[in-house]
Amino acid sequence: MAQGSKGALFFDDTCTVRDSSTSTDSPLHPLLMANAAGGAAATQAGRLLLSTDWAATALGPMEQWPQALRIAVSICLNSRFPMFVWWGPEAINIYNDAYVPILGQRHPAAFGAPAQRTWSDIWDVVGLQREAVMERGEATWNERVLLVMERNGFPEETWFTWSYSPIYDDDGRIGGLFCACTEETGRVHAERERDRLMRAAQDTARTLHTWFNNAPGFVALLRGPDFVFEMVNQAYYQLVGHRRLEGLPAFDALPEMRDQGYVELLQRVYETGEAFVGRAMRLEVQLTPDAPRVERFVDFIYQPVRDADGAVAGIFAQGHDVTEQVSATLALEDANRRKDEFLATLAHELRNPLAPIRQAALVAKASPDAKRQRWALDVIERQVGHMALLLDDLLDVSRISRGKLELRLASVSLRSVADAAVETAWPLIEAKMHKLDVQLPAHAVQLQVDPVRIAQVLSNLLSNAAKYTDPGGTITLAAEERDGQLLVRVRDDGIGLSHEHLEEIFAIFSQVSSARDRAQGGLGIGLALSRALVQLHGGSLEAASEGPGRGSEFTMRLPLPQGSGAQAGGDKPAVPAPRGGRRRVLVADDNVDALGTMATLLELEGHEVHTATDGEQAFEQAAAVQPDVAILDIGMPGLTGHEVAARIRAQPWGGGMVLIALTGWGQAHDQEKARASGFDHHCTKPVEIDQLLALVASEPVAGGT
């Protein structure tokens, strides 16, 4: 026996092994030689093997078993995967511990018994397949087959995946069969409760086609100290690429593995006889001779295979490619990190304007000086506008992700869109003393776009260029027509981007770490939103850079209208015609501060204002005052804004009243619900005061319908 070896695969003369942990000889059978974990000797099946009177069976004494049977039984008993061997005309059954739960109450009587006696209730299925293997040498494959059996005292539906492979004896005849199987019952029941996509995603157990060629995961048998590939299954080829393996030393066939630690692992298993289990082990493989290496992650076990003298003669390798699982885990960790960064950034961005708003409010309240009060109010208005922009960006991303954002297409000139974008970005460009060079075609270029959204994209690109360029830099906005498309480029000579960041910057909540300190605020959603808006127009948005410190260029491509007669107007909403003059206005809102400020603003404009703090009071006030205009919050106690509007429209005096819904809910279905309730207009908080004043001065649209 080799130094350090703890057992043998085949029989020796004494059938005895010395356990170094004790001073006595342990009479373990060679088929059950112990490894570091106790091996098959510590298993139920191992003890049954030793306690069975094999001489009283058709197999005869174990010492007379053919070598093929010994090998099959040894691999079966030392595996943690459900396996069994049927040998001889009576199909005497030998199985491992992993197979015991499948037997249920049939264990242990099934061990060493004829298979037909054990499986009489399903012999019409498995018996025919055994005949095909034993008589014609045909390997079988069965995937998720329904078998109704009584293994626990009652009939139950079970599903199994299994394969039968012939085992040839020492004379070259078929002596028995080897089966590797897995019970799918639990998985089938679970998948029935999931939708089809989940079932498809979890249907990863397409295993066990034949013992080696279609075994679950990748399988290989390596012989000798040079680890020569003796048998390799298809899954192994899929892992390492389609090249010749059988008959070659492992590291001649796979030379790229030499420097990845697998030589040392195999040698250690070969020299110590101790199995090695690897979890999510990284490896790089070269799928074709000239191809670059690709990264893979695998779960596997290297299990020693012993010869008749107990020495390690080879290694049985079995495992699974878990690259997708590892990638998914890494992606989840990255998404979780991005989420945490986004929440921290969002908190920071919302706190920033809250501080000056609070301080300015205190100044306005405490100071009698009109100039100082005006300054404080300007601060509050500016900071509230900043917060509104942040929330609008978040809402836009949400709408796009759910397919709810609607474009309002119109025929507009490129110059008007560019002018609007420059106007928005100009304060930042000017503050950093950049030079802006605008290069537009000399002739008029008409676009069929949502002008607000495309101006939003361009202003975002210009603002980013200003943020990430040192003071005194140059920014270029250039446009040209090419092949039926409009190409708009925004170039800068700022900090630039590395190659790996060119796509990363378009991810939601993404901010390149090297640029984060220069960002001057923001949630990291601007570029993701911009690309999505351009794609909604049928275009694209790409980034390019020669590297860090060498500036960046963003290219927006938009399809140009067919022909020359793009229709103006598109889906632009009608602007209500102002009626003018002093109006009688009812304002209803359960938020006292919102109610008070709205009433004050309307009174400052010269309107007569009446207020209500709940739905019931709002309807009573409307009936008593019969205002020209009613501005109703939707989420009020008592009666909702929708219910108040419906009641007003049901009254003879309610048909000519202008009804305005004021709410934080602004989706399309919210607007439809408001119109169905009788509202003329639907405004989303926070509303622009100029827009609201125009609506207050307008004629009714719903007209009581």
Foldseek 3Di string as FASTA:
>chain_A
DDPQFQAFLAADDQCWGPDPVDPDIDNQGRLAGQFPVGGLCPFPLSVCVVPDQCCPAPQHDPVPHFPLVSNLLSVFARDLFWKWKQFAPQGQIRHYPNVVVVQAQCPPVSHRHRPCVSPVQCCVPVVVVQCCCQVVVDKAWDFQDWDFDQRHNDTDTWTKTKMWGFTAGPVRHGGIIMMGMDTCRVVVVVVVPPDPVVNVVPPQPQAYGDPAQGHRAWKFWFFDLLRQTQDTYPNVCVVAADDDGHRHRPCVRFVQCPPQCVNVVQNVCQNNVHKDWDFQRWDWHARDPPRGTDIWTKTKMWHFHRHNVSHGGITIIGIHTCRVVVVVVVVVVVVVVLVVVLVVQVVVLLVVLVVLLVVLVVQLVPDPDPVSVVVSVVSNVVSVVSVVVQVVLVVLVVCLVVVQDDAQWFKDWPVVLCVLLCVLQVVLCVVLQEAEAEAEDPDTAIAGGRSVLLSLLSNLLSNVLSLQAHRHWYWYWHWDDDPQKIKTKIKIQGFWAAPVCFPQLLDAQDDPPVSPVSNVGDRSNSNVSSQSRLVVQVKGKGKDTPHTRGIIMIMIMHGGDPDDDGHGDGRDDDQFDFQDDAWEEEEEALPVVVQVVVQVVSVVVVYHYHYYNALVVSLVCCVVVVTQEYEAEQPGPPHGPLRSLLVLLVDPSRLWHAYEYEYQDDTPVVQVSSVVSQHQYYAHPPGDVVSVVRSSRGTGDSRSD
